[in-house]
Amino acid sequence: MRTFARWLLAGSMVFAGLSHLFWARKEFQAQVPDWVTDVVPIDADGVVVASGAVEAMLGAALVALPGDRRRIGVILAAFFVAVFPGNVEQYLKKRDGFGLDTDNRRLVRLFFQPLLVAWALWSTSPKS
């Protein structure tokens, strides 16, 4: 079950990463907090491209580097925590994106981030 969950997560991350780079760049820009572009010397599109590349690499690493899966799982969980402020900002500033076009939908989305963290950690943990 963990192996299936890890491979599903890997595929989802690669897909999400590629969508950042190609067909959903505008949608993802709605999730870039305004303050990030003040701290990082790139615009929102650059943040989306960079985060997409990281997502795709982490997804690929989950499959390609089985000996490092635990470490990659922890890094992926930290990545999910790091991007959470973007989800909060999308909610607080009422930014539409990915069908999240109501306050309720944007709020519900916030509760999925802890599940992603748990998924990354559980699917990469040693079997017990």
Protein backbone atom coordinates (compact mmCIF):
# COMPACT_ATOMS: atom_id res chain seq x y z
CA MET A 1 0.00 0.00 0.00
CA ARG A 2 2.82 2.43 0.85
CA THR A 3 4.52 1.71 -2.45
CA PHE A 4 1.33 2.44 -4.38
CA ALA A 5 0.77 5.63 -2.36
CA ARG A 6 4.36 6.74 -2.96
CA TRP A 7 4.13 6.11 -6.72
CA LEU A 8 0.79 7.92 -6.87
CA LEU A 9 2.31 10.85 -5.00
CA ALA A 10 5.34 10.80 -7.32
CA GLY A 11 3.14 10.87 -10.41
CA SER A 12 1.00 13.64 -8.94
CA MET A 13 4.06 15.73 -8.16
CA VAL A 14 5.52 15.31 -11.64
CA PHE A 15 2.15 16.20 -13.17
CA ALA A 16 1.74 19.24 -10.89
CA GLY A 17 5.30 20.35 -11.59
CA LEU A 18 4.82 20.13 -15.34
CA SER A 19 1.54 22.03 -15.06
CA HIS A 20 3.43 24.82 -13.28
CA LEU A 21 5.81 24.98 -16.21
CA PHE A 22 3.37 24.75 -19.08
CA TRP A 23 -0.43 24.90 -19.02
CA ALA A 24 -1.35 26.29 -15.57
CA ARG A 25 1.20 29.00 -14.89
CA LYS A 26 -1.41 31.77 -14.58
CA GLU A 27 -3.53 29.67 -12.24
CA PHE A 28 -0.57 29.02 -9.94
CA GLN A 29 0.34 32.70 -9.86
CA ALA A 30 -2.85 33.25 -7.83
CA GLN A 31 -1.17 31.30 -5.04
CA VAL A 32 2.07 33.27 -4.90
CA PRO A 33 1.93 35.52 -1.84
CA ASP A 34 2.61 39.19 -2.56
CA TRP A 35 5.39 39.31 0.03
CA VAL A 36 7.36 36.54 -1.68
CA THR A 37 8.26 38.74 -4.62
CA ASP A 38 9.48 41.35 -2.14
CA VAL A 39 11.82 38.81 -0.53
CA VAL A 40 12.87 36.81 -3.59
CA PRO A 41 14.24 38.85 -6.50
CA ILE A 42 11.94 37.25 -9.11
CA ASP A 43 8.37 37.86 -10.18
CA ALA A 44 5.37 35.60 -9.48
CA ASP A 45 5.87 33.72 -12.76
CA GLY A 46 9.46 32.98 -11.78
CA VAL A 47 8.29 31.64 -8.42
CA VAL A 48 5.77 29.40 -10.20
CA VAL A 49 8.40 28.08 -12.61
CA ALA A 50 10.91 27.45 -9.80
CA SER A 51 8.36 25.69 -7.60
CA GLY A 52 7.18 23.63 -10.57
CA ALA A 53 10.71 22.48 -11.28
CA VAL A 54 11.16 21.52 -7.62
CA GLU A 55 7.85 19.61 -7.60
CA ALA A 56 8.74 17.66 -10.74
CA MET A 57 12.21 16.82 -9.40
CA LEU A 58 10.86 15.69 -6.04
CA GLY A 59 8.26 13.51 -7.75
CA ALA A 60 10.88 11.94 -9.98
CA ALA A 61 13.23 11.45 -7.03
CA LEU A 62 10.58 9.48 -5.13
CA VAL A 63 10.82 6.84 -7.85
CA ALA A 64 14.38 7.19 -9.09
CA LEU A 65 16.13 7.25 -5.70
CA PRO A 66 14.57 4.49 -3.60
CA GLY A 67 17.49 4.45 -1.15
CA ASP A 68 16.78 8.07 -0.29
CA ARG A 69 13.00 7.83 -0.17
CA ARG A 70 12.73 8.74 3.53
CA ARG A 71 14.87 11.85 3.10
CA ILE A 72 12.91 12.83 -0.02
CA GLY A 73 9.65 12.31 1.87
CA VAL A 74 10.80 14.70 4.60
CA ILE A 75 11.91 17.27 2.00
CA LEU A 76 8.58 16.92 0.20
CA ALA A 77 6.66 17.35 3.45
CA ALA A 78 8.71 20.49 4.16
CA PHE A 79 7.93 21.72 0.63
CA PHE A 80 4.21 21.28 1.30
CA VAL A 81 4.59 23.31 4.50
CA ALA A 82 6.60 25.98 2.66
CA VAL A 83 3.94 26.52 -0.02
CA PHE A 84 1.07 26.61 2.47
CA PRO A 85 1.25 30.41 2.92
CA GLY A 86 0.34 30.69 -0.76
CA ASN A 87 -2.85 28.75 -0.13
CA VAL A 88 -3.63 30.96 2.86
CA GLU A 89 -3.03 34.11 0.81
CA GLN A 90 -5.26 32.78 -1.97
CA TYR A 91 -8.00 32.35 0.63
CA LEU A 92 -7.48 35.67 2.41
CA LYS A 93 -7.23 37.73 -0.77
CA LYS A 94 -10.08 35.84 -2.47
CA ARG A 95 -7.99 34.93 -5.51
CA ASP A 96 -9.60 32.50 -7.92
CA GLY A 97 -7.65 29.61 -9.35
CA PHE A 98 -8.23 25.95 -10.15
CA GLY A 99 -11.95 26.19 -9.57
CA LEU A 100 -11.38 27.67 -6.12
CA ASP A 101 -13.75 30.51 -6.84
CA THR A 102 -15.63 30.76 -3.55
CA ASP A 103 -14.51 31.38 0.01
CA ASN A 104 -15.74 27.92 1.02
CA ARG A 105 -13.75 26.16 -1.70
CA ARG A 106 -10.60 28.10 -0.87
CA LEU A 107 -11.09 27.34 2.83
CA VAL A 108 -11.61 23.62 2.27
CA ARG A 109 -8.41 23.57 0.19
CA LEU A 110 -6.45 24.67 3.26
CA PHE A 111 -7.33 21.46 5.07
CA PHE A 112 -5.81 19.32 2.34
CA GLN A 113 -2.27 20.59 2.93
CA PRO A 114 -1.79 18.67 6.21
CA LEU A 115 -3.01 15.56 4.39
CA LEU A 116 -0.33 16.06 1.74
CA VAL A 117 2.31 16.37 4.47
CA ALA A 118 1.07 13.17 6.10
CA TRP A 119 0.94 11.38 2.72
CA ALA A 120 4.56 12.33 1.96
CA LEU A 121 5.78 11.16 5.36
CA TRP A 122 3.72 7.96 5.56
CA SER A 123 4.37 6.77 2.01
CA THR A 124 8.12 7.17 2.43
CA SER A 125 8.47 5.82 5.95
CA PRO A 126 10.05 2.44 6.60
CA LYS A 127 7.56 -0.37 6.66
CA SER A 128 6.71 -1.49 10.16
